[in-house]
Amino acid sequence: MSAAKIKVASELWSPELIKRLKQKGGAELCSALSKLLGVYDAQANFVYITPDIHPQKEAFLKLHETAHAFLPWQSQTYSVIEDCEKTLDPAIATQFEREANVFASEVLFQCDRFDIEALDYDFSVQTPIILSKKYGASMYSSIRRYVSTNNRTCAVIVMNPFDNIRNEITVRRIIVSKNFGRYNAPLWPSRITPFSGPGHNIFRGGNIAEKEIISIPDRDGTAHEYSTEFFSNTYQNFLFLKPTSVVTPE
């Protein structure tokens, strides 16, 4: 962050400011502010980070906000925007957020150093979990990095915490490796219950479930078998998949 010449502060979320905003802007403005994790102030050259963020997410968030200051086309744009009443086009704002995510990921994982070091470990979801501590990254960002940049075929189903009322787990997102396209778009589940969806043994309890072989059909109805590993950190559930046999594109 020193390279971008910015400082970090948490005063944006001080109780006094929250009280003033509630009086002036109402509860809706206060509620919106409470959902923000970080803000880049182009004029003051400050990055505001909410003080109650999980330590594992703090490093990535700081780097994400730093990107807005470090990338010249972004910092210059934000400076102009803050000087007038104009707002950033939603499409441009989305692009800036994506660029900031890429910047944060590349710096946090030291370009390809994480990817290269991961090759010295087993082809397993436990590898990014182990390396997350060394690189100061969250388990989620480490698993995502491990899968998305992996030259071997793999995927991870990221799921929300267990819903004890509905007795199910809903799927948050699917992350696949670069060459997973050869599997002809699997029909990924939107939820997993003790009776449907892959990985039934994850309902047996515990943070780690026994490995098992599951079958997921593709959009043509052809079933493909995958070896799975399950891991939970209470905030999210991860089902790591790797094919039992390699499919060669025709």
Protein backbone atom coordinates (compact mmCIF):
# COMPACT_ATOMS: atom_id res chain seq x y z
CA MET A 1 0.00 0.00 0.00
CA SER A 2 2.98 2.26 0.50
CA ALA A 3 3.67 2.05 -3.24
CA ALA A 4 0.30 3.65 -3.88
CA LYS A 5 1.01 6.27 -1.19
CA ILE A 6 -2.28 5.73 0.58
CA LYS A 7 -3.21 5.27 4.21
CA VAL A 8 -5.76 3.06 5.92
CA ALA A 9 -8.38 4.32 8.32
CA SER A 10 -11.48 2.91 10.00
CA GLU A 11 -13.01 6.18 11.25
CA LEU A 12 -15.62 6.06 8.50
CA TRP A 13 -17.50 3.53 10.60
CA SER A 14 -17.14 5.34 13.92
CA PRO A 15 -20.26 5.27 16.17
CA GLU A 16 -20.41 9.08 16.09
CA LEU A 17 -20.52 9.19 12.29
CA ILE A 18 -23.12 6.43 12.12
CA LYS A 19 -25.27 8.42 14.56
CA ARG A 20 -24.97 11.60 12.49
CA LEU A 21 -25.82 9.78 9.28
CA LYS A 22 -28.87 8.24 10.87
CA GLN A 23 -30.05 11.67 11.94
CA LYS A 24 -29.38 13.34 8.58
CA GLY A 25 -29.89 10.57 6.06
CA GLY A 26 -32.18 8.18 7.84
CA ALA A 27 -31.92 4.50 8.59
CA GLU A 28 -31.67 3.48 4.92
CA LEU A 29 -28.42 5.39 4.39
CA CYS A 30 -27.04 4.03 7.63
CA SER A 31 -27.98 0.49 6.61
CA ALA A 32 -26.31 0.88 3.22
CA LEU A 33 -23.10 2.11 4.86
CA SER A 34 -23.08 -0.82 7.28
CA LYS A 35 -22.93 -3.23 4.32
CA LEU A 36 -19.80 -1.62 2.89
CA LEU A 37 -16.51 -3.33 3.65
CA GLY A 38 -14.14 -0.77 2.19
CA VAL A 39 -14.13 2.63 0.48
CA TYR A 40 -11.44 4.50 -1.45
CA ASP A 41 -11.37 8.27 -0.92
CA ALA A 42 -9.55 9.76 -3.92
CA GLN A 43 -9.36 13.28 -2.50
CA ALA A 44 -7.94 12.31 0.89
CA ASN A 45 -5.95 9.38 -0.57
CA PHE A 46 -7.36 7.19 2.16
CA VAL A 47 -8.75 3.66 2.19
CA TYR A 48 -11.44 3.09 4.80
CA ILE A 49 -11.78 -0.48 6.04
CA THR A 50 -14.61 -1.59 8.31
CA PRO A 51 -13.03 -2.58 11.67
CA ASP A 52 -15.12 -5.73 12.18
CA ILE A 53 -14.06 -7.47 8.96
CA HIS A 54 -12.70 -11.01 9.34
CA PRO A 55 -8.86 -10.93 9.50
CA GLN A 56 -8.57 -13.42 6.63
CA LYS A 57 -10.52 -11.10 4.33
CA GLU A 58 -8.76 -7.91 5.40
CA ALA A 59 -5.61 -8.38 3.29
CA PHE A 60 -7.55 -8.93 0.07
CA LEU A 61 -9.88 -6.01 0.78
CA LYS A 62 -6.99 -3.63 1.45
CA LEU A 63 -5.34 -4.63 -1.81
CA HIS A 64 -8.63 -4.31 -3.68
CA GLU A 65 -9.15 -0.74 -2.48
CA THR A 66 -5.47 0.03 -3.07
CA ALA A 67 -5.94 -0.93 -6.72
CA HIS A 68 -8.38 1.96 -7.15
CA ALA A 69 -5.58 4.30 -6.06
CA PHE A 70 -2.65 2.53 -7.74
CA LEU A 71 -4.12 1.98 -11.22
CA PRO A 72 -3.75 5.44 -12.84
CA TRP A 73 -6.84 5.29 -15.06
CA GLN A 74 -8.94 4.46 -12.03
CA SER A 75 -7.47 6.98 -9.57
CA GLN A 76 -7.72 9.79 -12.13
CA THR A 77 -11.31 8.91 -12.94
CA TYR A 78 -12.35 8.76 -9.28
CA SER A 79 -10.67 12.11 -8.62
CA VAL A 80 -12.69 13.74 -11.40
CA ILE A 81 -15.92 12.07 -10.24
CA GLU A 82 -15.46 13.31 -6.66
CA ASP A 83 -14.92 16.86 -7.91
CA CYS A 84 -18.31 17.04 -9.60
CA GLU A 85 -21.84 15.73 -9.30
CA LYS A 86 -21.41 13.09 -11.99
CA THR A 87 -21.49 9.38 -11.25
CA LEU A 88 -19.54 6.54 -12.79
CA ASP A 89 -21.30 4.56 -15.50
CA PRO A 90 -22.39 1.17 -14.02
CA ALA A 91 -20.57 -0.77 -16.72
CA ILE A 92 -17.33 1.13 -16.04
CA ALA A 93 -17.78 0.71 -12.29
CA THR A 94 -18.18 -3.04 -12.76
CA GLN A 95 -15.05 -3.14 -14.92
CA PHE A 96 -13.09 -1.20 -12.29
CA GLU A 97 -14.20 -3.66 -9.61
CA ARG A 98 -13.07 -6.60 -11.71
CA GLU A 99 -9.71 -4.95 -12.34
CA ALA A 100 -9.31 -4.30 -8.62
CA ASN A 101 -10.08 -7.94 -7.85
CA VAL A 102 -7.48 -9.13 -10.35
CA PHE A 103 -4.91 -6.68 -8.94
CA ALA A 104 -5.58 -7.84 -5.37
CA SER A 105 -5.35 -11.50 -6.34
CA GLU A 106 -2.10 -11.11 -8.28
CA VAL A 107 -0.42 -9.17 -5.47
CA LEU A 108 -1.73 -11.40 -2.69
CA PHE A 109 -0.67 -14.61 -4.41
CA GLN A 110 2.53 -13.04 -5.77
CA CYS A 111 1.65 -13.59 -9.42
CA ASP A 112 2.32 -17.28 -10.20
CA ARG A 113 4.32 -18.07 -7.06
CA PHE A 114 1.28 -19.54 -5.31
CA ASP A 115 0.41 -21.63 -8.39
CA ILE A 116 3.95 -22.98 -8.70
CA GLU A 117 4.28 -23.79 -5.02
CA ALA A 118 0.95 -25.61 -5.07
CA LEU A 119 2.45 -28.13 -7.52
CA ASP A 120 4.70 -29.41 -4.71
CA TYR A 121 1.62 -30.56 -2.78
CA ASP A 122 -1.05 -33.17 -3.39
CA PHE A 123 -3.79 -32.46 -5.93
CA SER A 124 -6.32 -31.79 -3.20
CA VAL A 125 -8.51 -29.07 -1.65
CA GLN A 126 -6.22 -29.29 1.38
CA THR A 127 -3.39 -27.70 -0.63
CA PRO A 128 -4.91 -24.19 -0.93
CA ILE A 129 -6.11 -24.46 2.66
CA ILE A 130 -2.54 -25.06 3.81
CA LEU A 131 -1.10 -22.33 1.59
CA SER A 132 -3.76 -19.79 2.62
CA LYS A 133 -2.00 -19.35 5.96
CA LYS A 134 1.36 -18.76 4.31
CA TYR A 135 0.03 -16.15 1.89
CA GLY A 136 -2.25 -14.44 4.38
CA ALA A 137 -5.31 -15.10 2.24
CA SER A 138 -8.77 -16.35 3.11
CA MET A 139 -9.60 -20.00 2.50
CA TYR A 140 -12.19 -18.99 -0.08
CA SER A 141 -9.82 -16.83 -2.15
CA SER A 142 -7.09 -19.48 -1.90
CA ILE A 143 -9.40 -22.29 -3.04
CA ARG A 144 -10.75 -20.10 -5.83
CA ARG A 145 -7.23 -19.24 -6.99
CA TYR A 146 -6.13 -22.88 -6.80
CA VAL A 147 -9.01 -24.13 -8.95
CA SER A 148 -9.30 -21.29 -11.47
CA THR A 149 -5.59 -21.29 -12.37
CA ASN A 150 -5.00 -25.04 -12.17
CA ASN A 151 -3.74 -26.76 -15.31
CA ARG A 152 -5.31 -29.99 -14.10
CA THR A 153 -9.04 -30.54 -14.48
CA CYS A 154 -10.96 -29.71 -11.32
CA ALA A 155 -13.88 -27.70 -9.97
CA VAL A 156 -15.27 -26.59 -6.66
CA ILE A 157 -18.89 -26.13 -5.67
CA VAL A 158 -19.06 -23.26 -3.17
CA MET A 159 -22.10 -23.57 -0.92
CA ASN A 160 -23.79 -21.53 1.77
CA PRO A 161 -23.93 -22.75 5.38
CA PHE A 162 -26.31 -25.56 6.27
CA ASP A 163 -29.98 -24.57 6.40
CA ASN A 164 -31.23 -26.61 9.35
CA ILE A 165 -34.85 -25.60 8.75
CA ARG A 166 -34.97 -26.73 5.11
CA ASN A 167 -32.40 -29.47 5.69
CA GLU A 168 -30.40 -28.44 2.63
CA ILE A 169 -27.37 -26.54 1.39
CA THR A 170 -27.80 -24.03 -1.43
CA VAL A 171 -25.08 -23.53 -4.02
CA ARG A 172 -23.48 -20.08 -4.10
CA ARG A 173 -21.23 -20.43 -7.13
CA ILE A 174 -19.28 -22.90 -9.24
CA ILE A 175 -15.57 -22.38 -9.98
CA VAL A 176 -13.85 -24.50 -12.62
CA SER A 177 -10.32 -24.90 -13.91
CA LYS A 178 -9.28 -23.53 -17.29
CA ASN A 179 -9.72 -26.82 -19.16
CA PHE A 180 -12.97 -27.92 -17.56
CA GLY A 181 -14.87 -26.99 -20.74
CA ARG A 182 -14.08 -30.40 -22.20
CA TYR A 183 -16.79 -31.79 -19.89
CA ASN A 184 -19.58 -30.23 -21.96
CA ALA A 185 -21.22 -28.00 -19.33
CA PRO A 186 -22.22 -30.23 -16.42
CA LEU A 187 -25.71 -29.78 -15.01
CA TRP A 188 -24.58 -28.33 -11.70
CA PRO A 189 -27.02 -28.61 -8.78
CA SER A 190 -28.58 -25.50 -7.24
CA ARG A 191 -28.99 -27.19 -3.87
CA ILE A 192 -27.92 -30.35 -2.08
CA THR A 193 -30.05 -32.32 0.38
CA PRO A 194 -29.52 -35.65 2.17
CA PHE A 195 -31.58 -37.20 -0.66
CA SER A 196 -30.55 -35.31 -3.80
CA GLY A 197 -27.50 -33.65 -5.28
CA PRO A 198 -23.86 -34.75 -5.17
CA GLY A 199 -21.98 -35.35 -1.96
CA HIS A 200 -24.62 -36.80 0.36
CA ASN A 201 -22.00 -37.66 2.96
CA ILE A 202 -21.45 -33.98 3.74
CA PHE A 203 -24.57 -34.19 5.91
CA ARG A 204 -22.87 -36.57 8.31
CA GLY A 205 -21.36 -33.64 10.17
CA GLY A 206 -17.83 -32.35 10.71
CA ASN A 207 -15.63 -29.97 8.77
CA ILE A 208 -14.18 -32.69 6.55
CA ALA A 209 -16.08 -35.56 4.93
CA GLU A 210 -14.74 -38.80 3.53
CA LYS A 211 -13.83 -38.82 -0.14
CA GLU A 212 -16.43 -40.35 -2.43
CA ILE A 213 -17.17 -40.91 -6.10
CA ILE A 214 -20.18 -39.06 -7.49
CA SER A 215 -21.79 -38.79 -10.91
CA ILE A 216 -22.94 -35.55 -12.55
CA PRO A 217 -24.60 -35.52 -16.00
CA ASP A 218 -23.70 -33.01 -18.67
CA ARG A 219 -26.22 -31.17 -20.85
CA ASP A 220 -26.31 -34.08 -23.30
CA GLY A 221 -27.23 -36.50 -20.53
CA THR A 222 -23.83 -38.20 -20.40
CA ALA A 223 -22.80 -38.95 -16.82
CA HIS A 224 -19.26 -38.19 -15.66
CA GLU A 225 -17.70 -39.49 -12.48
CA TYR A 226 -15.78 -37.27 -10.08
CA SER A 227 -13.78 -37.89 -6.95
CA THR A 228 -14.84 -35.40 -4.28
CA GLU A 229 -13.44 -33.82 -1.15
CA PHE A 230 -15.56 -31.77 1.22
CA PHE A 231 -14.42 -28.99 3.54
CA SER A 232 -16.34 -26.50 5.68
CA ASN A 233 -15.11 -23.43 7.56
CA THR A 234 -18.60 -22.74 9.03
CA TYR A 235 -18.98 -19.64 6.80
CA GLN A 236 -18.96 -21.63 3.56
CA ASN A 237 -18.92 -25.21 2.38
CA PHE A 238 -16.65 -26.44 -0.40
CA LEU A 239 -17.04 -29.57 -2.51
CA PHE A 240 -13.88 -30.10 -4.54
CA LEU A 241 -14.21 -32.32 -7.63
CA LYS A 242 -11.71 -33.92 -9.96
CA PRO A 243 -12.63 -36.38 -12.73
CA THR A 244 -11.86 -40.04 -12.27
CA SER A 245 -10.89 -40.20 -15.93
CA VAL A 246 -9.70 -37.53 -18.33
CA VAL A 247 -11.96 -36.59 -21.22
CA THR A 248 -10.19 -35.77 -24.47
CA PRO A 249 -11.91 -33.22 -26.74
CA GLU A 250 -13.00 -34.63 -30.10
